[in-house]
Amino acid sequence: MNSAQADAYLRRIGAQHPAWPTSDVLRELQLRHLRTVPFENLSIHLGEEIVLDEKRLLDKLVGARRGGFCYELNGAFGALLSSLGFDVTLLAARVYGDDGKLGIPYDHLALRVRTVDGGDWITDVGFGAHSHYPLAFGERGEQRDPGGVFGVVEAGPDAAGVRGAGDGRESKDLDVTLGGKRQYRLEMRPRVLEDFVVGAWWHSTSALSHFSRSLVCSRVTKDGGRITLSGRKFTVTAPDGAKEVTEVATDEEVLAVYRERFGIELDRVPEVRPTR
């Protein structure tokens, strides 16, 4: 990413070019990203190809002012952070299902980011409702965040008895938790963006993926709450967790919500189509 592209990306999230890649700067950039760039899977239901290429991601997130899901959001954000001088490592993760079992390999993409002031962080702008700020990589106690009480713990067995990999050194897998419930398992091996192509394809095409079976567009609000449009159901979640749900009646109103609440201009309403 060249300097002009980085500056355009920073304007997209309303941030100034930082003097140094510090932990405070990382916290600000993550929060601004979550407030500005929606977590959304609309491309899947608009028939748009999802391409994990830096230029294509910038064209979508910055040029077209769209959002995306984990591979796109964290892939692009990681490239921005690298261009600003942060030490960024792409990590693969497997997401825990409601049954406690782990999802597919390359199920999720998260970032490990090191800063010049000694910070070592798990940064994630692509997991929907998650932490508003980076999580301390080496801290094993509770980490309180506007999004909840998080934790980073050594991986134990999932519901199917699958244990984390590693030999007891830093390479051991880690589980990220929210309210004590395991959210996803991080592998410590460094990855590149191309490694996640199969995961993105599976989530875009498989009938077993919730992304192919539902619509979502969501972002954090300035007061620390969240707004979400799922099909025609618009939900406003307050910082205390209280929810207000309304049904959006017409296609014109749906397009207006995308435009006015998420900054996304669409010429038609995305619709979930049957998958095999």
C-alpha atoms as a PDB file:
ATOM      1  CA  MET A   1       0.000   0.000   0.000  1.00  0.00           C
ATOM      2  CA  ASN A   2       1.531   3.308  -1.064  1.00  0.00           C
ATOM      3  CA  SER A   3       1.235   6.550   0.887  1.00  0.00           C
ATOM      4  CA  ALA A   4      -1.623   7.906  -1.242  1.00  0.00           C
ATOM      5  CA  GLN A   5      -3.646   4.724  -0.694  1.00  0.00           C
ATOM      6  CA  ALA A   6      -2.912   4.807   3.026  1.00  0.00           C
ATOM      7  CA  ASP A   7      -4.008   8.448   3.259  1.00  0.00           C
ATOM      8  CA  ALA A   8      -7.245   7.636   1.402  1.00  0.00           C
ATOM      9  CA  TYR A   9      -7.905   4.746   3.788  1.00  0.00           C
ATOM     10  CA  LEU A  10      -7.279   6.988   6.807  1.00  0.00           C
ATOM     11  CA  ARG A  11      -9.720   9.562   5.418  1.00  0.00           C
ATOM     12  CA  ARG A  12     -12.250   6.768   4.994  1.00  0.00           C
ATOM     13  CA  ILE A  13     -12.152   6.054   8.741  1.00  0.00           C
ATOM     14  CA  GLY A  14     -11.755   9.701   9.773  1.00  0.00           C
ATOM     15  CA  ALA A  15      -8.207   9.376  11.112  1.00  0.00           C
ATOM     16  CA  GLN A  16      -5.075  11.479  10.812  1.00  0.00           C
ATOM     17  CA  HIS A  17      -1.766  10.029   9.661  1.00  0.00           C
ATOM     18  CA  PRO A  18      -0.053   8.974  12.927  1.00  0.00           C
ATOM     19  CA  ALA A  19       3.461  10.084  13.791  1.00  0.00           C
ATOM     20  CA  TRP A  20       4.358   6.732  15.374  1.00  0.00           C
ATOM     21  CA  PRO A  21       2.816   3.223  15.374  1.00  0.00           C
ATOM     22  CA  THR A  22       2.014   3.146  19.096  1.00  0.00           C
ATOM     23  CA  SER A  23      -0.515   1.162  21.115  1.00  0.00           C
ATOM     24  CA  ASP A  24      -2.694   4.252  21.624  1.00  0.00           C
ATOM     25  CA  VAL A  25      -2.744   4.873  17.879  1.00  0.00           C
ATOM     26  CA  LEU A  26      -3.716   1.237  17.248  1.00  0.00           C
ATOM     27  CA  ARG A  27      -6.595   1.526  19.714  1.00  0.00           C
ATOM     28  CA  GLU A  28      -7.870   4.654  18.000  1.00  0.00           C
ATOM     29  CA  LEU A  29      -7.581   3.181  14.508  1.00  0.00           C
ATOM     30  CA  GLN A  30      -9.425  -0.014  15.456  1.00  0.00           C
ATOM     31  CA  LEU A  31     -12.299   1.887  17.058  1.00  0.00           C
ATOM     32  CA  ARG A  32     -12.596   4.296  14.134  1.00  0.00           C
ATOM     33  CA  HIS A  33     -12.615   1.359  11.726  1.00  0.00           C
ATOM     34  CA  LEU A  34     -15.405  -0.397  13.625  1.00  0.00           C
ATOM     35  CA  ARG A  35     -17.481   2.790  13.691  1.00  0.00           C
ATOM     36  CA  THR A  36     -17.016   3.518   9.993  1.00  0.00           C
ATOM     37  CA  VAL A  37     -16.534   0.360   7.918  1.00  0.00           C
ATOM     38  CA  PRO A  38     -19.459  -2.055   8.279  1.00  0.00           C
ATOM     39  CA  PHE A  39     -19.173  -5.764   8.877  1.00  0.00           C
ATOM     40  CA  GLU A  40     -21.298  -7.056   5.992  1.00  0.00           C
ATOM     41  CA  ASN A  41     -21.742 -10.032   3.668  1.00  0.00           C
ATOM     42  CA  LEU A  42     -23.766  -8.282   0.981  1.00  0.00           C
ATOM     43  CA  SER A  43     -21.431  -9.251  -1.860  1.00  0.00           C
ATOM     44  CA  ILE A  44     -22.372 -12.904  -1.406  1.00  0.00           C
ATOM     45  CA  HIS A  45     -26.026 -12.066  -2.058  1.00  0.00           C
ATOM     46  CA  LEU A  46     -25.414  -9.497  -4.786  1.00  0.00           C
ATOM     47  CA  GLY A  47     -23.467 -11.939  -6.921  1.00  0.00           C
ATOM     48  CA  GLU A  48     -20.224  -9.997  -6.457  1.00  0.00           C
ATOM     49  CA  GLU A  49     -16.932 -11.870  -6.507  1.00  0.00           C
ATOM     50  CA  ILE A  50     -14.888 -11.737  -3.295  1.00  0.00           C
ATOM     51  CA  VAL A  51     -11.223 -11.398  -4.216  1.00  0.00           C
ATOM     52  CA  LEU A  52      -8.521 -11.467  -1.532  1.00  0.00           C
ATOM     53  CA  ASP A  53      -6.154  -9.071  -3.245  1.00  0.00           C
ATOM     54  CA  GLU A  54      -4.946  -5.868  -1.607  1.00  0.00           C
ATOM     55  CA  LYS A  55      -5.886  -3.586  -4.506  1.00  0.00           C
ATOM     56  CA  ARG A  56      -9.330  -5.148  -4.890  1.00  0.00           C
ATOM     57  CA  LEU A  57      -9.955  -4.832  -1.154  1.00  0.00           C
ATOM     58  CA  LEU A  58      -8.970  -1.151  -1.203  1.00  0.00           C
ATOM     59  CA  ASP A  59     -11.198  -0.559  -4.220  1.00  0.00           C
ATOM     60  CA  LYS A  60     -14.123  -2.031  -2.287  1.00  0.00           C
ATOM     61  CA  LEU A  61     -13.588  -0.638   1.222  1.00  0.00           C
ATOM     62  CA  VAL A  62     -12.122   2.753   0.299  1.00  0.00           C
ATOM     63  CA  GLY A  63     -13.114   3.434  -3.300  1.00  0.00           C
ATOM     64  CA  ALA A  64     -16.678   2.063  -3.133  1.00  0.00           C
ATOM     65  CA  ARG A  65     -17.030   2.799   0.620  1.00  0.00           C
ATOM     66  CA  ARG A  66     -18.309  -0.681   1.327  1.00  0.00           C
ATOM     67  CA  GLY A  67     -17.602  -3.094   4.142  1.00  0.00           C
ATOM     68  CA  GLY A  68     -16.927  -6.808   4.124  1.00  0.00           C
ATOM     69  CA  PHE A  69     -16.405  -9.842   6.323  1.00  0.00           C
ATOM     70  CA  CYS A  70     -13.323 -10.991   8.205  1.00  0.00           C
ATOM     71  CA  TYR A  71     -10.970 -11.803   5.328  1.00  0.00           C
ATOM     72  CA  GLU A  72     -11.689  -8.495   3.642  1.00  0.00           C
ATOM     73  CA  LEU A  73     -11.809  -6.246   6.703  1.00  0.00           C
ATOM     74  CA  ASN A  74      -8.810  -7.629   8.561  1.00  0.00           C
ATOM     75  CA  GLY A  75      -6.925  -8.198   5.325  1.00  0.00           C
ATOM     76  CA  ALA A  76      -7.272  -4.551   4.328  1.00  0.00           C
ATOM     77  CA  PHE A  77      -6.770  -3.208   7.861  1.00  0.00           C
ATOM     78  CA  GLY A  78      -3.620  -5.296   8.252  1.00  0.00           C
ATOM     79  CA  ALA A  79      -2.220  -3.815   5.038  1.00  0.00           C
ATOM     80  CA  LEU A  80      -2.977  -0.301   6.298  1.00  0.00           C
ATOM     81  CA  LEU A  81      -1.299  -0.964   9.639  1.00  0.00           C
ATOM     82  CA  SER A  82       1.774  -2.389   7.923  1.00  0.00           C
ATOM     83  CA  SER A  83       2.052   0.710   5.745  1.00  0.00           C
ATOM     84  CA  LEU A  84       1.961   2.857   8.909  1.00  0.00           C
ATOM     85  CA  GLY A  85       4.897   1.013  10.468  1.00  0.00           C
ATOM     86  CA  PHE A  86       3.131  -1.554  12.666  1.00  0.00           C
ATOM     87  CA  ASP A  87       4.508  -5.102  12.777  1.00  0.00           C
ATOM     88  CA  VAL A  88       1.534  -7.147  11.534  1.00  0.00           C
ATOM     89  CA  THR A  89       1.089 -10.919  11.387  1.00  0.00           C
ATOM     90  CA  LEU A  90      -1.972 -12.549   9.816  1.00  0.00           C
ATOM     91  CA  LEU A  91      -3.326 -15.415  11.928  1.00  0.00           C
ATOM     92  CA  ALA A  92      -5.818 -18.118  11.009  1.00  0.00           C
ATOM     93  CA  ALA A  93      -8.596 -18.980  13.429  1.00  0.00           C
ATOM     94  CA  ARG A  94     -11.408 -21.504  13.757  1.00  0.00           C
ATOM     95  CA  VAL A  95     -14.701 -20.250  15.175  1.00  0.00           C
ATOM     96  CA  TYR A  96     -16.565 -22.103  17.921  1.00  0.00           C
ATOM     97  CA  GLY A  97     -20.125 -23.007  16.970  1.00  0.00           C
ATOM     98  CA  ASP A  98     -23.088 -22.925  19.309  1.00  0.00           C
ATOM     99  CA  ASP A  99     -22.445 -26.629  19.946  1.00  0.00           C
ATOM    100  CA  GLY A 100     -18.912 -25.873  21.163  1.00  0.00           C
ATOM    101  CA  LYS A 101     -17.268 -27.492  18.147  1.00  0.00           C
ATOM    102  CA  LEU A 102     -14.684 -25.759  15.989  1.00  0.00           C
ATOM    103  CA  GLY A 103     -15.427 -24.627  12.459  1.00  0.00           C
ATOM    104  CA  ILE A 104     -13.401 -25.197   9.320  1.00  0.00           C
ATOM    105  CA  PRO A 105      -9.678 -24.397   8.973  1.00  0.00           C
ATOM    106  CA  TYR A 106      -9.162 -20.776   7.867  1.00  0.00           C
ATOM    107  CA  ASP A 107     -12.614 -20.039   9.270  1.00  0.00           C
ATOM    108  CA  HIS A 108     -11.535 -16.560  10.376  1.00  0.00           C
ATOM    109  CA  LEU A 109      -8.678 -14.114   9.871  1.00  0.00           C
ATOM    110  CA  ALA A 110      -7.351 -12.025  12.778  1.00  0.00           C
ATOM    111  CA  LEU A 111      -4.246  -9.908  13.270  1.00  0.00           C
ATOM    112  CA  ARG A 112      -1.365  -9.944  15.712  1.00  0.00           C
ATOM    113  CA  VAL A 113       0.072  -6.435  15.879  1.00  0.00           C
ATOM    114  CA  ARG A 114       3.225  -5.251  17.633  1.00  0.00           C
ATOM    115  CA  THR A 115       3.790  -1.566  18.341  1.00  0.00           C
ATOM    116  CA  VAL A 116       6.925   0.523  18.855  1.00  0.00           C
ATOM    117  CA  ASP A 117       6.149   1.022  22.559  1.00  0.00           C
ATOM    118  CA  GLY A 118       6.278  -2.702  23.273  1.00  0.00           C
ATOM    119  CA  GLY A 119       2.607  -3.570  22.850  1.00  0.00           C
ATOM    120  CA  ASP A 120       1.601  -6.979  21.471  1.00  0.00           C
ATOM    121  CA  TRP A 121      -2.068  -7.113  20.495  1.00  0.00           C
ATOM    122  CA  ILE A 122      -4.796  -9.233  18.930  1.00  0.00           C
ATOM    123  CA  THR A 123      -6.547  -6.844  16.582  1.00  0.00           C
ATOM    124  CA  ASP A 124      -9.845  -7.767  14.940  1.00  0.00           C
ATOM    125  CA  VAL A 125     -12.201  -5.520  12.965  1.00  0.00           C
ATOM    126  CA  GLY A 126     -13.903  -8.450  11.203  1.00  0.00           C
ATOM    127  CA  PHE A 127     -15.765 -10.559  13.771  1.00  0.00           C
ATOM    128  CA  GLY A 128     -19.039  -8.659  14.025  1.00  0.00           C
ATOM    129  CA  ALA A 129     -19.913  -7.906  17.650  1.00  0.00           C
ATOM    130  CA  HIS A 130     -16.488  -8.170  19.266  1.00  0.00           C
ATOM    131  CA  SER A 131     -13.990  -6.072  21.227  1.00  0.00           C
ATOM    132  CA  HIS A 132     -13.880  -2.366  20.432  1.00  0.00           C
ATOM    133  CA  TYR A 133     -10.183  -2.194  21.271  1.00  0.00           C
ATOM    134  CA  PRO A 134      -7.264  -4.568  20.655  1.00  0.00           C
ATOM    135  CA  LEU A 135      -6.788  -7.382  23.170  1.00  0.00           C
ATOM    136  CA  ALA A 136      -3.447  -7.777  24.941  1.00  0.00           C
ATOM    137  CA  PHE A 137      -1.815 -10.851  23.423  1.00  0.00           C
ATOM    138  CA  GLY A 138       0.146 -11.878  26.504  1.00  0.00           C
ATOM    139  CA  GLU A 139      -2.443 -11.097  29.199  1.00  0.00           C
ATOM    140  CA  ARG A 140      -4.293 -14.111  30.614  1.00  0.00           C
ATOM    141  CA  GLY A 141      -6.703 -12.369  32.979  1.00  0.00           C
ATOM    142  CA  GLU A 142      -9.978 -10.629  32.204  1.00  0.00           C
ATOM    143  CA  GLN A 143      -9.776  -7.807  29.667  1.00  0.00           C
ATOM    144  CA  ARG A 144     -12.647  -5.372  30.065  1.00  0.00           C
ATOM    145  CA  ASP A 145     -13.818  -3.622  26.926  1.00  0.00           C
ATOM    146  CA  PRO A 146     -16.950  -1.697  25.870  1.00  0.00           C
ATOM    147  CA  GLY A 147     -17.889  -4.846  23.937  1.00  0.00           C
ATOM    148  CA  GLY A 148     -17.748  -7.077  27.030  1.00  0.00           C
ATOM    149  CA  VAL A 149     -15.294  -8.984  29.198  1.00  0.00           C
ATOM    150  CA  PHE A 150     -12.777 -10.776  27.004  1.00  0.00           C
ATOM    151  CA  GLY A 151      -9.987 -13.221  27.644  1.00  0.00           C
ATOM    152  CA  VAL A 152      -7.039 -14.766  25.819  1.00  0.00           C
ATOM    153  CA  VAL A 153      -6.352 -18.258  27.155  1.00  0.00           C
ATOM    154  CA  GLU A 154      -4.420 -21.338  26.140  1.00  0.00           C
ATOM    155  CA  ALA A 155      -6.555 -23.544  23.910  1.00  0.00           C
ATOM    156  CA  GLY A 156      -8.269 -26.488  25.573  1.00  0.00           C
ATOM    157  CA  PRO A 157     -10.302 -29.256  23.915  1.00  0.00           C
ATOM    158  CA  ASP A 158     -13.447 -28.271  22.033  1.00  0.00           C
ATOM    159  CA  ALA A 159     -16.743 -30.166  22.290  1.00  0.00           C
ATOM    160  CA  ALA A 160     -15.406 -32.774  19.865  1.00  0.00           C
ATOM    161  CA  GLY A 161     -12.259 -33.276  21.956  1.00  0.00           C
ATOM    162  CA  VAL A 162      -9.984 -31.392  19.555  1.00  0.00           C
ATOM    163  CA  ARG A 163      -7.075 -29.847  21.429  1.00  0.00           C
ATOM    164  CA  GLY A 164      -4.942 -26.870  20.516  1.00  0.00           C
ATOM    165  CA  ALA A 165      -1.706 -27.495  18.666  1.00  0.00           C
ATOM    166  CA  GLY A 166       1.734 -26.578  19.882  1.00  0.00           C
ATOM    167  CA  ASP A 167       4.532 -27.836  22.068  1.00  0.00           C
ATOM    168  CA  GLY A 168       4.011 -25.645  25.140  1.00  0.00           C
ATOM    169  CA  ARG A 169       6.060 -22.747  23.792  1.00  0.00           C
ATOM    170  CA  GLU A 170       4.717 -19.555  22.181  1.00  0.00           C
ATOM    171  CA  SER A 171       3.452 -21.592  19.218  1.00  0.00           C
ATOM    172  CA  LYS A 172       0.561 -23.030  21.259  1.00  0.00           C
ATOM    173  CA  ASP A 173      -2.910 -22.119  20.018  1.00  0.00           C
ATOM    174  CA  LEU A 174      -4.925 -19.551  21.949  1.00  0.00           C
ATOM    175  CA  ASP A 175      -8.653 -19.210  22.516  1.00  0.00           C
ATOM    176  CA  VAL A 176     -10.319 -15.792  22.565  1.00  0.00           C
ATOM    177  CA  THR A 177     -13.261 -15.695  24.970  1.00  0.00           C
ATOM    178  CA  LEU A 178     -16.175 -13.343  25.609  1.00  0.00           C
ATOM    179  CA  GLY A 179     -17.941 -13.576  28.962  1.00  0.00           C
ATOM    180  CA  GLY A 180     -16.129 -16.845  29.571  1.00  0.00           C
ATOM    181  CA  LYS A 181     -17.441 -18.409  26.349  1.00  0.00           C
ATOM    182  CA  ARG A 182     -14.855 -19.401  23.746  1.00  0.00           C
ATOM    183  CA  GLN A 183     -15.275 -17.403  20.532  1.00  0.00           C
ATOM    184  CA  TYR A 184     -12.457 -18.613  18.292  1.00  0.00           C
ATOM    185  CA  ARG A 185      -9.148 -20.472  18.369  1.00  0.00           C
ATOM    186  CA  LEU A 186      -6.085 -18.683  17.025  1.00  0.00           C
ATOM    187  CA  GLU A 187      -3.215 -20.559  15.424  1.00  0.00           C
ATOM    188  CA  MET A 188       0.174 -18.937  15.962  1.00  0.00           C
ATOM    189  CA  ARG A 189       1.686 -19.794  12.572  1.00  0.00           C
ATOM    190  CA  PRO A 190       2.030 -16.675  10.387  1.00  0.00           C
ATOM    191  CA  ARG A 191      -0.144 -16.687   7.278  1.00  0.00           C
ATOM    192  CA  VAL A 192      -0.513 -14.671   4.076  1.00  0.00           C
ATOM    193  CA  LEU A 193      -3.764 -13.356   2.637  1.00  0.00           C
ATOM    194  CA  GLU A 194      -3.828 -15.962  -0.139  1.00  0.00           C
ATOM    195  CA  ASP A 195      -4.047 -18.727   2.487  1.00  0.00           C
ATOM    196  CA  PHE A 196      -7.627 -17.674   3.240  1.00  0.00           C
ATOM    197  CA  VAL A 197      -9.013 -18.002  -0.305  1.00  0.00           C
ATOM    198  CA  VAL A 198     -10.522 -21.432   0.356  1.00  0.00           C
ATOM    199  CA  GLY A 199     -12.168 -20.248   3.588  1.00  0.00           C
ATOM    200  CA  ALA A 200     -13.671 -17.232   1.814  1.00  0.00           C
ATOM    201  CA  TRP A 201     -14.938 -19.464  -0.996  1.00  0.00           C
ATOM    202  CA  TRP A 202     -16.509 -21.921   1.459  1.00  0.00           C
ATOM    203  CA  HIS A 203     -18.264 -19.209   3.432  1.00  0.00           C
ATOM    204  CA  SER A 204     -19.518 -17.649   0.193  1.00  0.00           C
ATOM    205  CA  THR A 205     -20.888 -20.830  -1.381  1.00  0.00           C
ATOM    206  CA  SER A 206     -21.562 -23.578   1.165  1.00  0.00           C
ATOM    207  CA  ALA A 207     -25.076 -24.163   2.434  1.00  0.00           C
ATOM    208  CA  LEU A 208     -23.459 -24.963   5.796  1.00  0.00           C
ATOM    209  CA  SER A 209     -22.104 -21.429   6.165  1.00  0.00           C
ATOM    210  CA  HIS A 210     -24.294 -18.916   7.993  1.00  0.00           C
ATOM    211  CA  PHE A 211     -22.925 -16.205   5.673  1.00  0.00           C
ATOM    212  CA  SER A 212     -24.511 -17.881   2.640  1.00  0.00           C
ATOM    213  CA  ARG A 213     -27.832 -18.341   4.460  1.00  0.00           C
ATOM    214  CA  SER A 214     -28.358 -14.866   5.898  1.00  0.00           C
ATOM    215  CA  LEU A 215     -27.799 -11.159   5.335  1.00  0.00           C
ATOM    216  CA  VAL A 216     -25.968  -8.937   7.777  1.00  0.00           C
ATOM    217  CA  CYS A 217     -24.700  -5.357   7.831  1.00  0.00           C
ATOM    218  CA  SER A 218     -23.496  -4.031  11.179  1.00  0.00           C
ATOM    219  CA  ARG A 219     -21.272  -1.409  12.753  1.00  0.00           C
ATOM    220  CA  VAL A 220     -20.426   0.120  16.127  1.00  0.00           C
ATOM    221  CA  THR A 221     -22.050   3.468  16.926  1.00  0.00           C
ATOM    222  CA  LYS A 222     -20.379   6.482  18.538  1.00  0.00           C
ATOM    223  CA  ASP A 223     -22.100   5.859  21.867  1.00  0.00           C
ATOM    224  CA  GLY A 224     -20.628   2.359  22.026  1.00  0.00           C
ATOM    225  CA  GLY A 225     -23.766   0.566  20.868  1.00  0.00           C
ATOM    226  CA  ARG A 226     -24.388  -1.136  17.544  1.00  0.00           C
ATOM    227  CA  ILE A 227     -26.741  -0.970  14.583  1.00  0.00           C
ATOM    228  CA  THR A 228     -27.492  -4.038  12.470  1.00  0.00           C
ATOM    229  CA  LEU A 229     -29.606  -4.652   9.390  1.00  0.00           C
ATOM    230  CA  SER A 230     -30.376  -8.342   8.862  1.00  0.00           C
ATOM    231  CA  GLY A 231     -32.501  -8.629   5.766  1.00  0.00           C
ATOM    232  CA  ARG A 232     -35.402  -6.333   6.667  1.00  0.00           C
ATOM    233  CA  LYS A 233     -34.896  -6.376  10.436  1.00  0.00           C
ATOM    234  CA  PHE A 234     -33.133  -3.260  11.722  1.00  0.00           C
ATOM    235  CA  THR A 235     -31.773  -3.530  15.269  1.00  0.00           C
ATOM    236  CA  VAL A 236     -30.394  -0.719  17.409  1.00  0.00           C
ATOM    237  CA  THR A 237     -28.441  -2.088  20.361  1.00  0.00           C
ATOM    238  CA  ALA A 238     -27.726   0.368  23.184  1.00  0.00           C
ATOM    239  CA  PRO A 239     -24.429   0.288  25.113  1.00  0.00           C
ATOM    240  CA  ASP A 240     -26.238  -1.480  27.987  1.00  0.00           C
ATOM    241  CA  GLY A 241     -27.436  -4.225  25.625  1.00  0.00           C
ATOM    242  CA  ALA A 242     -31.058  -3.069  25.290  1.00  0.00           C
ATOM    243  CA  LYS A 243     -32.378  -3.683  21.776  1.00  0.00           C
ATOM    244  CA  GLU A 244     -34.937  -1.878  19.646  1.00  0.00           C
ATOM    245  CA  VAL A 245     -36.044  -3.844  16.585  1.00  0.00           C
ATOM    246  CA  THR A 246     -38.051  -2.529  13.644  1.00  0.00           C
ATOM    247  CA  GLU A 247     -39.144  -4.145  10.386  1.00  0.00           C
ATOM    248  CA  VAL A 248     -38.239  -2.244   7.220  1.00  0.00           C
ATOM    249  CA  ALA A 249     -41.208  -2.554   4.892  1.00  0.00           C
ATOM    250  CA  THR A 250     -40.202  -1.627   1.341  1.00  0.00           C
ATOM    251  CA  ASP A 251     -37.177  -2.049  -0.901  1.00  0.00           C
ATOM    252  CA  GLU A 252     -36.780   1.726  -1.044  1.00  0.00           C
ATOM    253  CA  GLU A 253     -36.641   1.905   2.741  1.00  0.00           C
ATOM    254  CA  VAL A 254     -34.101  -0.932   2.887  1.00  0.00           C
ATOM    255  CA  LEU A 255     -31.836   0.886   0.431  1.00  0.00           C
ATOM    256  CA  ALA A 256     -32.251   4.082   2.457  1.00  0.00           C
ATOM    257  CA  VAL A 257     -31.112   2.315   5.650  1.00  0.00           C
ATOM    258  CA  TYR A 258     -28.026   0.985   3.878  1.00  0.00           C
ATOM    259  CA  ARG A 259     -27.299   4.473   2.547  1.00  0.00           C
ATOM    260  CA  GLU A 260     -28.123   6.631   5.559  1.00  0.00           C
ATOM    261  CA  ARG A 261     -27.035   4.380   8.439  1.00  0.00           C
ATOM    262  CA  PHE A 262     -24.113   2.491   6.864  1.00  0.00           C
ATOM    263  CA  GLY A 263     -22.974   4.764   4.030  1.00  0.00           C
ATOM    264  CA  ILE A 264     -23.507   2.006   1.460  1.00  0.00           C
ATOM    265  CA  GLU A 265     -25.014   2.927  -1.899  1.00  0.00           C
ATOM    266  CA  LEU A 266     -26.787   0.000  -3.584  1.00  0.00           C
ATOM    267  CA  ASP A 267     -28.911  -0.057  -6.728  1.00  0.00           C
ATOM    268  CA  ARG A 268     -30.881  -3.120  -5.593  1.00  0.00           C
ATOM    269  CA  VAL A 269     -31.735  -4.964  -2.423  1.00  0.00           C
ATOM    270  CA  PRO A 270     -29.577  -8.055  -1.799  1.00  0.00           C
ATOM    271  CA  GLU A 271     -31.549 -11.272  -1.425  1.00  0.00           C
ATOM    272  CA  VAL A 272     -30.549 -14.598   0.062  1.00  0.00           C
ATOM    273  CA  ARG A 273     -30.592 -17.261  -2.649  1.00  0.00           C
ATOM    274  CA  PRO A 274     -30.698 -21.017  -2.107  1.00  0.00           C
ATOM    275  CA  THR A 275     -27.306 -22.753  -2.041  1.00  0.00           C
ATOM    276  CA  ARG A 276     -26.483 -26.388  -2.607  1.00  0.00           C
END
